Amino acid sequence: MNYYKNQPQMTISDRLAIEVGIERKESFKAIAKRLRRHPSTIAHEVKENRTFIHGNYPGGNDCKFARTCGVKHICGEDDYCNYQCRLCRVKNCHDYCDRYVSVKCNKWEYAPYVCNTCHQKRICWKDKYIYTAQYADAAVKRRRSESRQGIRLGEDDKKMLDELITRLVRKGQPLTHIYAEYEKEMPVSLRSLYNYIDAGELTIRNIDLRRKTSYKQRRQNKKGFSEGFANQEYRQCRTYEDFELLMKFVNDDLIVEMDTVKGVREKGKRLLTMIFRKNSVMLLFLMPDGTAASVKRVFDYLESGLGLEVFQRLFPYILTDNGGEFKKVDQLELTETYEYRTHLYYCDPMASWQKPYIEKNHEYIRYAIPKKRSLNPYTQEDMTLLMNHINSTKRPGLGNKSPYELLLEEENNEDFKLLWQLLKMDLIPPDEVHLMPDLFKFNL
């Protein structure tokens, strides 16, 4: 009878059923049928995870004559030994004595391989085995945990892995990017790689991994935002509630998120960032300041370089925050001839989680341009270089591919090809991706 197909590992509930079945003196076949497993599986479970209870023999000796035996020097090696052989802890008298007769019980050598149902279990002073679901489950978990501990690589594999990971991590590459590129060559899984670093088995330490540092807990905005703010003219019909209503009718792939990044609290250059939800390609534009006029110049540059129709197809809906540089909505949405080139929507105040793609990708910028560093020494060529390195980083959420790889795989997408040429996009080889401050060739 085929009643045990593709069963997962046993759980505590299965082991409780086995324990109850043994107490009821059911056969392994009956227990197995109830659990939809093979009888040999039940027998193996009982023998592997039963609990051994050592017997209370006289002097720890299980010989029938252990209580009264007074034989000495039976091993013949030390004539001056005054100990009786039955009490010797150096030699085992069983190996030398012809009178040895064991009183051990051997009932547990046969099914059900335990003493659970024996009527003398409570008064028995001999070796015995007991099957208890709780202890059996704990034993399995302990063995599974121990089997996964420690390094399980040869010296050559470990050395190769250490050199590869160290070289690439010091370029600022995330472990996920490294593993996505070298998965077939890796002798371990990504999880094991983190475990080896955590255990100090490699040159790289946790402090070298940016994602090992925890995020600072955000403060909740208990006061909310005032009705006056909600009623500001630029937000009319462009709130996040309006955006959620829009999402019921349009595809998420049509959404572009937008934000700005500043270095320090000073007047000067700002970085305008835009990201396509469709493929996570992020665009970086260095602006001379953080004014609405600078943002408009970026929009005008894209429109003139791509053409109005292409701009409308690439940037149909933009989700951004309530920064002052985005408040002149008519200048951003409309062309010089008052045609709509895009539609803007605004997140709620203190709700950056409403545009998660752009916020998450800002961390890649901070790898190369740390906080509290001015943007004034940088040029647009530097931002284009950084953009190419960021968009060439492989990510688990993209199927272990980079945003540029997804973009290049799209067929019949002439709009993105024009954007590729206009912004001088270039796919960086995985081994050359560099996300550290020394990416730029000048000293700050």
Protein backbone atom coordinates (compact mmCIF):
# COMPACT_ATOMS: atom_id res chain seq x y z
CA MET A 1 0.00 0.00 0.00
CA ASN A 2 1.47 3.34 -1.08
CA TYR A 3 0.37 5.64 1.76
CA TYR A 4 3.62 7.46 2.54
CA LYS A 5 4.41 9.68 -0.45
CA ASN A 6 6.63 12.76 -0.07
CA GLN A 7 6.25 13.21 3.68
CA PRO A 8 8.27 16.04 5.29
CA GLN A 9 10.48 15.70 8.34
CA MET A 10 8.82 14.55 11.52
CA THR A 11 7.44 17.15 13.89
CA ILE A 12 6.72 17.04 17.61
CA SER A 13 3.12 16.10 16.76
CA ASP A 14 4.29 13.04 14.81
CA ARG A 15 6.52 11.97 17.67
CA LEU A 16 3.69 12.37 20.16
CA ALA A 17 1.59 10.08 17.96
CA ILE A 18 4.43 7.51 17.96
CA GLU A 19 4.77 7.70 21.76
CA VAL A 20 1.03 7.22 22.24
CA GLY A 21 1.02 4.34 19.76
CA ILE A 22 3.82 2.57 21.62
CA GLU A 23 2.02 3.03 24.95
CA ARG A 24 -1.07 1.45 23.38
CA LYS A 25 1.10 -1.47 22.19
CA GLU A 26 0.29 -0.79 18.56
CA SER A 27 2.52 -2.22 15.84
CA PHE A 28 4.85 0.04 13.84
CA LYS A 29 2.73 -0.72 10.78
CA ALA A 30 -0.41 0.63 12.48
CA ILE A 31 1.41 3.76 13.66
CA ALA A 32 2.94 4.29 10.22
CA LYS A 33 -0.42 3.97 8.50
CA ARG A 34 -1.90 6.67 10.74
CA LEU A 35 1.04 9.00 10.04
CA ARG A 36 1.16 8.08 6.33
CA ARG A 37 4.75 6.92 6.57
CA HIS A 38 6.68 3.69 6.02
CA PRO A 39 6.94 1.32 9.03
CA SER A 40 10.74 1.32 8.70
CA THR A 41 10.66 5.10 9.19
CA ILE A 42 8.89 4.65 12.52
CA ALA A 43 11.33 1.95 13.60
CA HIS A 44 14.31 4.13 12.62
CA GLU A 45 12.84 7.11 14.51
CA VAL A 46 12.42 5.07 17.70
CA LYS A 47 15.89 3.49 17.61
CA GLU A 48 17.68 6.74 16.74
CA ASN A 49 15.94 9.03 19.22
CA ARG A 50 15.13 6.82 22.21
CA THR A 51 16.60 7.85 25.57
CA PHE A 52 19.12 5.50 27.24
CA ILE A 53 18.89 5.09 31.03
CA HIS A 54 21.94 3.44 32.57
CA GLY A 55 21.27 0.58 34.99
CA ASN A 56 22.17 0.61 38.68
CA TYR A 57 24.51 -2.40 38.87
CA PRO A 58 26.59 -3.32 41.95
CA GLY A 59 29.83 -1.39 41.62
CA GLY A 60 28.80 -0.56 38.06
CA ASN A 61 29.41 -4.21 37.05
CA ASP A 62 26.60 -6.06 35.27
CA CYS A 63 27.98 -9.57 36.05
CA LYS A 64 25.66 -12.05 37.81
CA PHE A 65 28.31 -12.67 40.52
CA ALA A 66 29.34 -9.01 41.02
CA ARG A 67 27.93 -8.78 44.57
CA THR A 68 29.96 -11.69 46.00
CA CYS A 69 32.96 -12.10 43.66
CA GLY A 70 36.31 -11.60 45.39
CA VAL A 71 38.71 -12.60 42.60
CA LYS A 72 41.97 -10.61 42.34
CA HIS A 73 44.84 -10.44 39.81
CA ILE A 74 42.76 -12.09 37.08
CA CYS A 75 44.48 -9.98 34.41
CA GLY A 76 47.88 -11.27 35.60
CA GLU A 77 49.69 -7.96 35.13
CA ASP A 78 50.09 -6.57 38.65
CA ASP A 79 50.63 -9.05 41.52
CA TYR A 80 50.68 -6.22 44.06
CA CYS A 81 47.20 -4.91 43.20
CA ASN A 82 44.91 -5.15 46.22
CA TYR A 83 41.66 -4.27 44.41
CA GLN A 84 39.08 -6.86 43.57
CA CYS A 85 38.77 -7.24 39.81
CA ARG A 86 35.05 -6.46 39.84
CA LEU A 87 35.88 -2.94 41.13
CA CYS A 88 38.82 -2.24 38.75
CA ARG A 89 38.51 0.87 36.61
CA VAL A 90 41.65 0.21 34.55
CA LYS A 91 40.87 -3.23 33.20
CA ASN A 92 37.52 -4.78 32.38
CA CYS A 93 37.28 -8.08 34.23
CA HIS A 94 34.73 -9.31 31.69
CA ASP A 95 37.56 -9.71 29.16
CA TYR A 96 39.51 -12.10 31.43
CA CYS A 97 37.00 -13.96 33.58
CA ASP A 98 35.43 -17.23 32.38
CA ARG A 99 32.66 -16.95 34.97
CA TYR A 100 31.23 -13.68 33.55
CA VAL A 101 27.47 -13.88 33.01
CA SER A 102 25.65 -10.67 32.07
CA VAL A 103 22.34 -9.84 33.70
CA LYS A 104 21.47 -7.12 31.17
CA CYS A 105 17.98 -7.22 29.70
CA ASN A 106 17.87 -7.58 25.92
CA LYS A 107 14.14 -7.08 25.32
CA TRP A 108 14.79 -3.64 23.81
CA GLU A 109 16.77 -5.28 20.98
CA TYR A 110 13.44 -6.28 19.47
CA ALA A 111 10.40 -4.23 18.47
CA PRO A 112 9.32 -1.80 19.78
CA TYR A 113 12.99 -1.34 20.83
CA VAL A 114 12.03 0.49 24.03
CA CYS A 115 10.81 -0.35 27.51
CA ASN A 116 7.76 1.94 27.51
CA THR A 117 5.28 -0.95 27.79
CA CYS A 118 7.25 -3.16 30.18
CA HIS A 119 5.26 -3.78 33.40
CA GLN A 120 8.51 -3.84 35.44
CA LYS A 121 9.72 -0.51 34.08
CA ARG A 122 9.38 1.37 37.37
CA ILE A 123 11.29 -1.13 39.50
CA CYS A 124 13.81 -2.31 36.88
CA TRP A 125 17.43 -1.56 37.79
CA LYS A 126 18.93 -2.72 34.48
CA ASP A 127 19.85 -0.72 31.34
CA LYS A 128 16.73 0.41 29.52
CA TYR A 129 15.52 2.63 26.69
CA ILE A 130 12.52 4.95 26.84
CA TYR A 131 10.95 6.79 23.92
CA THR A 132 9.60 10.23 24.86
CA ALA A 133 8.42 12.64 22.16
CA GLN A 134 9.82 15.72 23.91
CA TYR A 135 13.34 14.32 24.36
CA ALA A 136 13.32 12.75 20.87
CA ASP A 137 12.45 16.08 19.26
CA ALA A 138 15.15 17.87 21.29
CA ALA A 139 17.74 15.27 20.26
CA VAL A 140 16.92 15.74 16.57
CA LYS A 141 17.17 19.53 16.80
CA ARG A 142 20.47 19.27 18.67
CA ARG A 143 22.00 16.96 16.05
CA ARG A 144 20.77 19.17 13.24
CA SER A 145 22.27 22.25 14.88
CA GLU A 146 25.61 20.56 15.57
CA SER A 147 25.85 19.30 12.00
CA ARG A 148 25.69 22.86 10.71
CA GLN A 149 28.34 24.31 12.97
CA GLY A 150 31.94 24.95 12.08
CA ILE A 151 33.73 25.40 8.78
CA ARG A 152 33.30 22.58 6.29
CA LEU A 153 35.78 23.60 3.63
CA GLY A 154 39.17 22.29 2.66
CA GLU A 155 42.14 24.61 3.03
CA ASP A 156 42.33 25.30 -0.71
CA ASP A 157 38.61 26.12 -1.00
CA LYS A 158 38.74 28.28 2.10
CA LYS A 159 41.76 30.21 0.81
CA MET A 160 40.13 30.77 -2.60
CA LEU A 161 36.90 31.93 -0.98
CA ASP A 162 38.71 34.25 1.43
CA GLU A 163 40.78 35.94 -1.29
CA LEU A 164 37.76 36.43 -3.56
CA ILE A 165 35.44 37.83 -0.88
CA THR A 166 38.11 40.07 0.65
CA ARG A 167 39.10 41.61 -2.69
CA LEU A 168 35.55 42.39 -3.77
CA VAL A 169 34.16 43.53 -0.41
CA ARG A 170 37.01 46.04 -0.16
CA LYS A 171 35.73 47.51 -3.42
CA GLY A 172 32.43 48.16 -1.67
CA GLN A 173 30.54 45.35 -3.39
CA PRO A 174 27.67 43.84 -1.34
CA LEU A 175 27.83 40.12 -0.58
CA THR A 176 24.60 39.61 -2.51
CA HIS A 177 26.21 41.08 -5.64
CA ILE A 178 29.33 38.94 -5.22
CA TYR A 179 27.35 35.76 -4.67
CA ALA A 180 25.06 36.45 -7.63
CA GLU A 181 28.08 36.72 -9.94
CA TYR A 182 30.10 33.79 -8.53
CA GLU A 183 27.31 31.48 -7.35
CA LYS A 184 28.48 28.54 -9.48
CA GLU A 185 32.04 28.87 -8.16
CA MET A 186 31.07 29.32 -4.52
CA PRO A 187 31.61 26.18 -2.40
CA VAL A 188 29.03 27.41 0.15
CA SER A 189 25.62 29.05 0.18
CA LEU A 190 25.08 32.77 0.81
CA ARG A 191 23.77 32.02 4.30
CA SER A 192 26.88 29.95 5.12
CA LEU A 193 29.04 32.78 3.80
CA TYR A 194 27.49 35.16 6.33
CA ASN A 195 27.94 32.53 9.05
CA TYR A 196 31.66 32.06 8.24
CA ILE A 197 32.22 35.82 8.41
CA ASP A 198 30.27 36.01 11.66
CA ALA A 199 32.42 33.21 13.12
CA GLY A 200 35.65 35.00 12.13
CA GLU A 201 36.74 32.30 9.67
CA LEU A 202 37.54 34.81 6.88
CA THR A 203 39.65 37.95 6.71
CA ILE A 204 36.53 40.08 6.26
CA ARG A 205 34.71 40.89 9.49
CA ASN A 206 31.15 42.00 10.24
CA ILE A 207 32.33 45.60 10.51
CA ASP A 208 33.30 45.47 6.83
CA LEU A 209 29.72 44.60 5.85
CA ARG A 210 27.53 47.68 5.67
CA ARG A 211 24.26 45.80 6.04
CA LYS A 212 25.40 44.31 9.36
CA THR A 213 24.89 47.72 10.95
CA SER A 214 21.33 48.25 12.12
CA TYR A 215 19.09 51.01 10.87
CA LYS A 216 18.31 53.83 13.27
CA GLN A 217 14.76 53.54 14.50
CA ARG A 218 12.60 56.27 13.04
CA ARG A 219 10.56 58.53 15.28
CA GLN A 220 6.84 58.35 14.77
CA ASN A 221 5.03 61.51 13.75
CA LYS A 222 2.42 61.55 16.52
CA LYS A 223 1.13 65.01 15.69
CA GLY A 224 0.42 64.16 12.07
CA PHE A 225 0.20 67.08 9.67
CA SER A 226 -2.11 70.02 9.80
CA GLU A 227 -5.20 70.50 7.67
CA GLY A 228 -3.63 73.65 6.31
CA PHE A 229 -0.72 71.68 4.93
CA ALA A 230 -3.06 69.11 3.37
CA ASN A 231 -4.97 71.88 1.63
CA GLN A 232 -1.95 73.54 0.03
CA GLU A 233 -2.63 74.22 -3.63
CA TYR A 234 0.18 72.15 -5.10
CA ARG A 235 -1.16 69.01 -3.35
CA GLN A 236 -4.68 69.30 -4.67
CA CYS A 237 -5.62 66.05 -6.49
CA ARG A 238 -2.00 64.92 -6.05
CA THR A 239 -1.97 63.45 -2.52
CA TYR A 240 -0.93 59.91 -1.67
CA GLU A 241 -4.59 58.95 -1.40
CA ASP A 242 -5.02 60.11 -4.99
CA PHE A 243 -1.94 58.07 -5.92
CA GLU A 244 -3.40 54.93 -4.32
CA LEU A 245 -6.58 55.47 -6.30
CA LEU A 246 -4.49 55.81 -9.46
CA MET A 247 -2.75 52.50 -8.75
CA LYS A 248 -6.06 50.68 -9.11
CA PHE A 249 -6.07 51.57 -12.80
CA VAL A 250 -2.41 51.72 -13.87
CA ASN A 251 0.49 49.28 -13.70
CA ASP A 252 3.17 49.73 -11.05
CA ASP A 253 5.77 49.59 -13.84
CA LEU A 254 4.68 53.08 -14.96
CA ILE A 255 5.69 54.70 -11.65
CA VAL A 256 8.89 56.71 -11.21
CA GLU A 257 9.99 57.80 -7.73
CA MET A 258 11.93 61.03 -7.25
CA ASP A 259 13.89 62.65 -4.41
CA THR A 260 16.92 64.82 -3.69
CA VAL A 261 20.12 64.12 -1.75
CA LYS A 262 22.29 66.73 -0.09
CA GLY A 263 25.72 66.42 1.41
CA VAL A 264 25.85 68.91 4.29
CA ARG A 265 23.69 71.78 5.51
CA GLU A 266 25.10 74.38 3.21
CA LYS A 267 24.14 76.18 0.07
CA GLY A 268 25.48 74.47 -2.97
CA LYS A 269 25.02 71.43 -5.14
CA ARG A 270 22.20 68.93 -4.69
CA LEU A 271 21.63 65.53 -6.24
CA LEU A 272 18.31 64.79 -7.95
CA THR A 273 17.53 61.06 -7.98
CA MET A 274 14.88 59.21 -9.98
CA ILE A 275 14.19 55.47 -10.07
CA PHE A 276 12.00 53.33 -12.30
CA ARG A 277 9.99 50.81 -10.33
CA LYS A 278 9.94 48.59 -13.40
CA ASN A 279 13.63 47.68 -13.31
CA SER A 280 15.15 49.67 -10.38
CA VAL A 281 17.32 51.75 -12.72
CA MET A 282 18.27 54.90 -10.79
CA LEU A 283 19.17 58.20 -12.48
CA LEU A 284 21.46 60.79 -10.86
CA PHE A 285 21.52 64.46 -11.80
CA LEU A 286 23.83 66.95 -10.09
CA MET A 287 22.12 70.34 -9.68
CA PRO A 288 23.81 73.64 -8.74
CA ASP A 289 21.33 74.13 -5.91
CA GLY A 290 18.14 72.73 -4.42
CA THR A 291 15.64 75.07 -6.04
CA ALA A 292 12.59 74.30 -8.14
CA ALA A 293 14.26 76.01 -11.10
CA SER A 294 17.10 73.47 -11.03
CA VAL A 295 14.67 70.56 -11.00
CA LYS A 296 12.81 72.14 -13.94
CA ARG A 297 16.07 72.41 -15.90
CA VAL A 298 16.61 68.65 -15.45
CA PHE A 299 13.08 67.97 -16.72
CA ASP A 300 13.64 70.31 -19.67
CA TYR A 301 16.95 68.60 -20.47
CA LEU A 302 15.33 65.16 -20.51
CA GLU A 303 12.42 66.42 -22.61
CA SER A 304 14.65 68.09 -25.19
CA GLY A 305 17.03 65.13 -25.37
CA LEU A 306 14.35 62.43 -25.59
CA GLY A 307 11.48 64.24 -27.23
CA LEU A 308 8.13 64.96 -25.61
CA GLU A 309 6.48 61.68 -26.56
CA VAL A 310 9.34 59.55 -25.24
CA PHE A 311 9.46 61.62 -22.04
CA GLN A 312 5.73 61.06 -21.53
CA ARG A 313 6.14 57.29 -21.97
CA LEU A 314 9.15 57.03 -19.67
CA PHE A 315 7.93 59.40 -16.93
CA PRO A 316 4.11 59.24 -16.99
CA TYR A 317 3.63 59.33 -13.18
CA ILE A 318 6.19 60.59 -10.65
CA LEU A 319 5.89 60.07 -6.88
CA THR A 320 7.94 62.40 -4.72
CA ASP A 321 8.02 64.11 -1.32
CA ASN A 322 6.96 67.60 -0.23
CA GLY A 323 10.31 69.34 -0.57
CA GLY A 324 10.29 72.97 -1.65
CA GLU A 325 12.06 72.08 -4.88
CA PHE A 326 9.02 70.09 -6.02
CA LYS A 327 6.24 72.50 -5.08
CA LYS A 328 6.07 74.44 -8.35
CA VAL A 329 4.08 71.65 -9.85
CA ASP A 330 2.90 73.45 -13.00
CA GLN A 331 6.49 74.14 -14.08
CA LEU A 332 7.37 70.47 -13.69
CA GLU A 333 4.24 68.90 -15.15
CA LEU A 334 3.80 71.23 -18.12
CA THR A 335 5.95 72.07 -21.10
CA GLU A 336 6.64 75.59 -22.34
CA THR A 337 3.57 75.20 -24.59
CA TYR A 338 1.44 74.06 -21.62
CA GLU A 339 1.21 70.40 -22.62
CA TYR A 340 1.29 67.74 -19.89
CA ARG A 341 4.58 65.85 -19.94
CA THR A 342 4.08 64.05 -16.60
CA HIS A 343 1.84 63.87 -13.54
CA LEU A 344 3.22 64.42 -10.02
CA TYR A 345 1.95 62.91 -6.78
CA TYR A 346 3.16 63.66 -3.25
CA CYS A 347 3.75 61.38 -0.28
CA ASP A 348 2.42 62.20 3.16
CA PRO A 349 4.80 64.16 5.40
CA MET A 350 7.23 62.01 7.42
CA ALA A 351 6.24 58.96 5.37
CA SER A 352 9.32 58.12 3.32
CA TRP A 353 8.22 54.46 3.32
CA GLN A 354 5.60 55.44 0.73
CA LYS A 355 8.40 55.67 -1.88
CA PRO A 356 10.53 52.71 -0.77
CA TYR A 357 12.46 52.12 -3.99
CA ILE A 358 14.26 55.45 -4.07
CA GLU A 359 14.86 55.55 -0.31
CA LYS A 360 16.37 52.06 -0.32
CA ASN A 361 18.65 52.83 -3.26
CA HIS A 362 20.01 55.97 -1.61
CA GLU A 363 22.17 53.73 0.55
CA TYR A 364 24.26 52.90 -2.55
CA ILE A 365 24.99 56.61 -2.97
CA ARG A 366 26.16 56.82 0.64
CA TYR A 367 28.63 54.00 0.03
CA ALA A 368 30.62 56.30 -2.26
CA ILE A 369 29.57 59.69 -0.84
CA PRO A 370 29.26 59.38 2.95
CA LYS A 371 26.97 61.66 4.91
CA LYS A 372 28.31 65.05 5.95
CA ARG A 373 30.41 65.27 2.80
CA SER A 374 29.77 68.24 0.54
CA LEU A 375 28.65 67.64 -3.04
CA ASN A 376 30.34 70.80 -4.30
CA PRO A 377 33.61 69.13 -5.48
CA TYR A 378 31.74 66.62 -7.66
CA THR A 379 30.76 66.95 -11.31
CA GLN A 380 28.00 65.41 -13.40
CA GLU A 381 30.60 63.05 -14.90
CA ASP A 382 31.27 61.76 -11.37
CA MET A 383 27.55 61.21 -10.81
CA THR A 384 27.25 59.37 -14.13
CA LEU A 385 30.13 57.10 -13.10
CA LEU A 386 28.49 56.43 -9.73
CA MET A 387 25.13 55.83 -11.42
CA ASN A 388 26.68 53.19 -13.68
CA HIS A 389 28.33 51.36 -10.78
CA ILE A 390 25.12 51.40 -8.72
CA ASN A 391 22.98 50.14 -11.61
CA SER A 392 25.51 47.38 -12.35
CA THR A 393 25.17 45.91 -8.84
CA LYS A 394 23.35 42.57 -8.80
CA ARG A 395 20.51 42.20 -6.28
CA PRO A 396 18.52 39.22 -4.95
CA GLY A 397 15.23 41.07 -5.44
CA LEU A 398 15.94 41.28 -9.18
CA GLY A 399 16.65 37.58 -9.60
CA ASN A 400 20.39 38.08 -8.90
CA LYS A 401 20.63 40.48 -11.82
CA SER A 402 21.56 44.15 -11.95
CA PRO A 403 19.13 46.91 -13.04
CA TYR A 404 21.15 47.47 -16.22
CA GLU A 405 20.99 43.76 -17.07
CA LEU A 406 17.20 43.84 -16.76
CA LEU A 407 17.12 46.95 -18.93
CA LEU A 408 19.26 45.36 -21.64
CA GLU A 409 17.14 42.21 -21.64
CA GLU A 410 14.02 44.17 -22.57
CA GLU A 411 13.24 43.77 -26.26
CA ASN A 412 11.72 46.43 -28.50
CA ASN A 413 12.26 49.15 -25.88
CA GLU A 414 13.45 52.04 -27.98
CA ASP A 415 12.57 54.61 -25.30
CA PHE A 416 15.11 53.26 -22.81
CA LYS A 417 17.69 52.94 -25.59
CA LEU A 418 17.39 56.69 -26.18
CA LEU A 419 17.73 57.33 -22.44
CA TRP A 420 20.77 55.02 -22.38
CA GLN A 421 22.50 57.08 -25.06
CA LEU A 422 21.48 60.45 -23.65
CA LEU A 423 22.76 59.81 -20.11
CA LYS A 424 25.87 57.84 -21.21
CA MET A 425 24.84 54.71 -19.36
CA ASP A 426 27.40 51.90 -19.34
CA LEU A 427 27.23 48.41 -17.82
CA ILE A 428 30.19 47.86 -15.50
CA PRO A 429 31.62 44.28 -15.42
CA PRO A 430 30.59 42.59 -12.15
CA ASP A 431 34.19 42.19 -10.99
CA GLU A 432 34.89 45.90 -11.48
CA VAL A 433 31.90 47.30 -9.58
CA HIS A 434 33.31 49.73 -7.02
CA LEU A 435 31.19 51.43 -4.35
CA MET A 436 33.74 53.14 -2.12
CA PRO A 437 34.72 56.82 -1.73
CA ASP A 438 37.92 56.20 -3.71
CA LEU A 439 35.78 55.63 -6.82
CA PHE A 440 36.44 59.28 -7.71
CA LYS A 441 39.87 60.44 -8.76
CA PHE A 442 40.20 63.54 -6.67
CA ASN A 443 41.00 64.22 -3.01
CA LEU A 444 38.36 65.91 -0.91
